[in-house]
Amino acid sequence: MYTEAVAKRTRDPEGRRNLILRAAGELIREIGVSALTHRKVAERAKVPLGSTTQYFASLTDLIAEALTGMAEQREAMLDEVAQDIIQAEDVASVLADLVEDAISDPTLLRNELSFWLCYAIHPKLEGLMRSSDEVVLRTLSQISTPEQARAIVVHIYGVMLHIAVHGRTMPREEMKASFRRLLSDPPVPESRGGP
């Protein structure tokens, strides 16, 4: 009996570490970054509490690594969206669909906003958000000017934040119209500073 118990407890440090990361990612999606604790992660992963601190020096380190994995999934999704944008006859509709998908679940929207805050205040995470933005900016720059691409990304953030704060969605036609304006407005020429 003792040998069976020992055999069942074969050490697999990498497997346990991956269990912890998977549990952290699931919890981040469900409850957000700010509610994550070592205890909740250990309970979800079904590992001793000490395992979370054994593999990750701090909660920030655990969150950073979990979000890094999530960022890779996010970038793969954004690559698909990029293809939709490039191939679209009506880019404004595709962008409106993107925003509608992002705001369809209030919990996911709140969690997305908590990611933004986390990315902004934790040095280990700041590059993750930037890399996702770069995918979108690169794509939009293929069908518009770089200035228009930046304006569209900022507009998407603003719409999502507005909806999260006010709890009201923006009508789809209004969203499409705003994207059309951003896509059609000619870029403002740079000031030359001379006569």
Protein backbone atom coordinates (compact mmCIF):
# COMPACT_ATOMS: atom_id res chain seq x y z
CA MET A 1 0.00 0.00 0.00
CA TYR A 2 2.80 2.43 0.90
CA THR A 3 4.53 1.72 -2.42
CA GLU A 4 1.31 2.44 -4.31
CA ALA A 5 0.95 5.80 -2.54
CA VAL A 6 4.54 6.72 -3.34
CA ALA A 7 4.13 5.61 -6.95
CA LYS A 8 1.06 7.83 -7.30
CA ARG A 9 3.05 10.81 -6.05
CA THR A 10 5.69 10.72 -8.75
CA ARG A 11 7.33 14.10 -8.84
CA ASP A 12 6.56 16.12 -11.92
CA PRO A 13 7.69 19.69 -11.20
CA GLU A 14 6.96 20.92 -14.72
CA GLY A 15 3.52 19.30 -14.69
CA ARG A 16 2.66 20.87 -11.34
CA ARG A 17 3.93 24.26 -12.51
CA ASN A 18 1.74 24.00 -15.63
CA LEU A 19 -1.28 23.02 -13.48
CA ILE A 20 -0.73 26.15 -11.41
CA LEU A 21 -0.44 28.35 -14.51
CA ARG A 22 -3.53 26.83 -16.09
CA ALA A 23 -5.50 27.35 -12.86
CA ALA A 24 -4.29 30.96 -12.63
CA GLY A 25 -5.34 31.62 -16.24
CA GLU A 26 -8.80 30.14 -15.66
CA LEU A 27 -9.28 32.20 -12.51
CA ILE A 28 -8.06 35.40 -14.16
CA ARG A 29 -10.71 34.92 -16.86
CA GLU A 30 -13.41 34.18 -14.27
CA ILE A 31 -12.69 36.59 -11.41
CA GLY A 32 -10.12 39.01 -12.79
CA VAL A 33 -6.56 39.83 -11.83
CA SER A 34 -7.38 41.84 -8.72
CA ALA A 35 -9.24 38.95 -7.02
CA LEU A 36 -6.53 36.36 -7.68
CA THR A 37 -4.74 34.89 -4.65
CA HIS A 38 -2.22 32.09 -4.13
CA ARG A 39 -4.86 30.22 -2.12
CA LYS A 40 -7.48 30.37 -4.90
CA VAL A 41 -4.94 29.20 -7.47
CA ALA A 42 -3.79 26.31 -5.26
CA GLU A 43 -7.38 25.23 -4.65
CA ARG A 44 -8.20 25.34 -8.37
CA ALA A 45 -5.00 23.46 -9.30
CA LYS A 46 -5.55 20.98 -6.45
CA VAL A 47 -1.99 21.46 -5.20
CA PRO A 48 -0.66 22.42 -1.77
CA LEU A 49 -0.65 26.17 -1.14
CA GLY A 50 3.14 26.16 -0.78
CA SER A 51 3.51 24.95 -4.37
CA THR A 52 2.37 28.28 -5.74
CA THR A 53 5.13 30.12 -3.89
CA GLN A 54 7.64 27.37 -4.59
CA TYR A 55 7.33 27.89 -8.35
CA PHE A 56 6.54 31.62 -8.36
CA ALA A 57 8.34 34.04 -6.05
CA SER A 58 5.38 36.41 -5.87
CA LEU A 59 1.77 36.66 -6.93
CA THR A 60 2.88 39.22 -9.54
CA ASP A 61 5.28 36.66 -11.03
CA LEU A 62 2.48 34.09 -11.20
CA ILE A 63 0.10 36.60 -12.79
CA ALA A 64 2.79 37.75 -15.24
CA GLU A 65 3.46 34.25 -16.46
CA ALA A 66 -0.23 33.33 -16.65
CA LEU A 67 -0.97 36.52 -18.60
CA THR A 68 1.97 35.83 -20.90
CA GLY A 69 0.37 32.53 -21.86
CA MET A 70 -2.98 34.25 -22.28
CA ALA A 71 -1.34 36.97 -24.38
CA GLU A 72 -0.05 34.32 -26.78
CA GLN A 73 -3.62 33.02 -27.18
CA ARG A 74 -4.82 36.58 -27.61
CA GLU A 75 -2.26 37.27 -30.34
CA ALA A 76 -3.33 34.13 -32.21
CA MET A 77 -6.93 35.37 -32.05
CA LEU A 78 -5.81 38.82 -33.19
CA ASP A 79 -3.99 37.26 -36.15
CA GLU A 80 -7.33 35.76 -37.22
CA VAL A 81 -9.03 39.14 -36.76
CA ALA A 82 -6.23 40.74 -38.79
CA GLN A 83 -7.03 38.47 -41.73
CA ASP A 84 -10.73 39.37 -41.44
CA ILE A 85 -9.86 43.08 -41.46
CA ILE A 86 -7.50 42.83 -44.43
CA GLN A 87 -9.98 40.80 -46.49
CA ALA A 88 -13.08 42.80 -45.50
CA GLU A 89 -15.04 44.90 -47.93
CA ASP A 90 -16.58 46.73 -44.96
CA VAL A 91 -13.82 47.19 -42.38
CA ALA A 92 -16.07 49.29 -40.15
CA SER A 93 -18.44 46.31 -39.76
CA VAL A 94 -15.58 43.97 -38.87
CA LEU A 95 -14.33 46.45 -36.26
CA ALA A 96 -17.85 46.81 -34.84
CA ASP A 97 -18.08 43.00 -34.63
CA LEU A 98 -14.76 42.92 -32.79
CA VAL A 99 -15.98 45.43 -30.21
CA GLU A 100 -19.36 43.71 -29.87
CA ASP A 101 -17.62 40.40 -29.16
CA ALA A 102 -15.42 42.08 -26.56
CA ILE A 103 -18.35 43.68 -24.74
CA SER A 104 -20.84 40.81 -24.99
CA ASP A 105 -19.94 39.38 -21.57
CA PRO A 106 -19.82 42.01 -18.78
CA THR A 107 -17.54 39.81 -16.63
CA LEU A 108 -15.04 39.35 -19.45
CA LEU A 109 -15.18 43.07 -20.20
CA ARG A 110 -14.42 43.96 -16.56
CA ASN A 111 -11.61 41.42 -16.55
CA GLU A 112 -10.20 42.88 -19.76
CA LEU A 113 -10.14 46.30 -18.13
CA SER A 114 -8.42 44.86 -15.06
CA PHE A 115 -5.81 43.36 -17.44
CA TRP A 116 -5.21 46.83 -18.87
CA LEU A 117 -4.63 48.26 -15.42
CA CYS A 118 -2.40 45.36 -14.47
CA TYR A 119 -0.39 45.77 -17.68
CA ALA A 120 -0.02 49.49 -16.97
CA ILE A 121 1.23 49.22 -13.39
CA HIS A 122 3.39 46.09 -13.43
CA PRO A 123 6.71 46.48 -15.28
CA LYS A 124 6.86 42.73 -16.00
CA LEU A 125 3.59 42.96 -17.91
CA GLU A 126 3.76 46.23 -19.81
CA GLY A 127 5.15 44.64 -22.98
CA LEU A 128 2.25 42.20 -23.29
CA MET A 129 -0.39 44.81 -24.04
CA ARG A 130 1.95 46.63 -26.36
CA SER A 131 2.56 43.52 -28.45
CA SER A 132 -1.20 42.95 -28.87
CA ASP A 133 -1.63 46.58 -29.90
CA GLU A 134 1.19 46.22 -32.42
CA VAL A 135 -0.64 43.37 -34.18
CA VAL A 136 -3.76 45.52 -34.55
CA LEU A 137 -1.80 48.65 -35.53
CA ARG A 138 0.20 46.75 -38.17
CA THR A 139 -2.99 45.35 -39.64
CA LEU A 140 -4.88 48.64 -39.65
CA SER A 141 -1.86 50.41 -41.15
CA GLN A 142 -2.22 48.14 -44.21
CA ILE A 143 -5.64 49.62 -44.95
CA SER A 144 -5.25 53.13 -43.49
CA THR A 145 -2.58 55.57 -42.37
CA PRO A 146 -0.64 54.89 -39.15
CA GLU A 147 -2.39 57.91 -37.60
CA GLN A 148 -5.81 56.49 -38.45
CA ALA A 149 -4.76 53.08 -37.10
CA ARG A 150 -3.76 54.61 -33.75
CA ALA A 151 -7.00 56.60 -33.60
CA ILE A 152 -9.03 53.43 -34.20
CA VAL A 153 -7.22 51.51 -31.43
CA VAL A 154 -7.71 54.41 -29.01
CA HIS A 155 -11.37 54.62 -30.03
CA ILE A 156 -11.86 50.88 -29.36
CA TYR A 157 -10.36 51.29 -25.88
CA GLY A 158 -12.54 54.33 -25.24
CA VAL A 159 -15.73 52.56 -26.34
CA MET A 160 -14.97 49.54 -24.16
CA LEU A 161 -14.16 51.69 -21.13
CA HIS A 162 -17.27 53.82 -21.65
CA ILE A 163 -19.48 50.73 -21.84
CA ALA A 164 -17.88 49.19 -18.74
CA VAL A 165 -18.31 52.39 -16.72
CA HIS A 166 -21.82 53.30 -17.85
CA GLY A 167 -23.21 49.79 -18.34
CA ARG A 168 -24.79 50.71 -21.66
CA THR A 169 -23.71 49.40 -25.00
CA MET A 170 -23.12 51.64 -27.98
CA PRO A 171 -25.55 50.99 -30.86
CA ARG A 172 -23.89 48.96 -33.61
CA GLU A 173 -24.74 51.48 -36.34
CA GLU A 174 -23.21 54.27 -34.26
CA MET A 175 -20.06 52.18 -33.79
CA LYS A 176 -19.82 51.44 -37.51
CA ALA A 177 -20.34 55.13 -38.35
CA SER A 178 -17.55 56.19 -35.98
CA PHE A 179 -15.16 53.63 -37.51
CA ARG A 180 -16.11 54.79 -41.00
CA ARG A 181 -15.30 58.39 -40.04
CA LEU A 182 -11.95 57.36 -38.60
CA LEU A 183 -11.14 55.34 -41.71
CA SER A 184 -12.20 58.03 -44.16
CA ASP A 185 -10.87 61.18 -42.52
CA PRO A 186 -7.78 62.36 -44.37
CA PRO A 187 -4.68 62.53 -42.19
CA VAL A 188 -3.88 65.95 -40.79
CA PRO A 189 -0.67 67.28 -42.39
CA GLU A 190 2.20 67.86 -40.00
CA SER A 191 2.97 71.47 -39.15
CA ARG A 192 6.17 72.59 -40.83
CA GLY A 193 6.73 75.44 -38.40
CA GLY A 194 7.61 77.94 -41.13
CA PRO A 195 5.86 80.38 -43.49
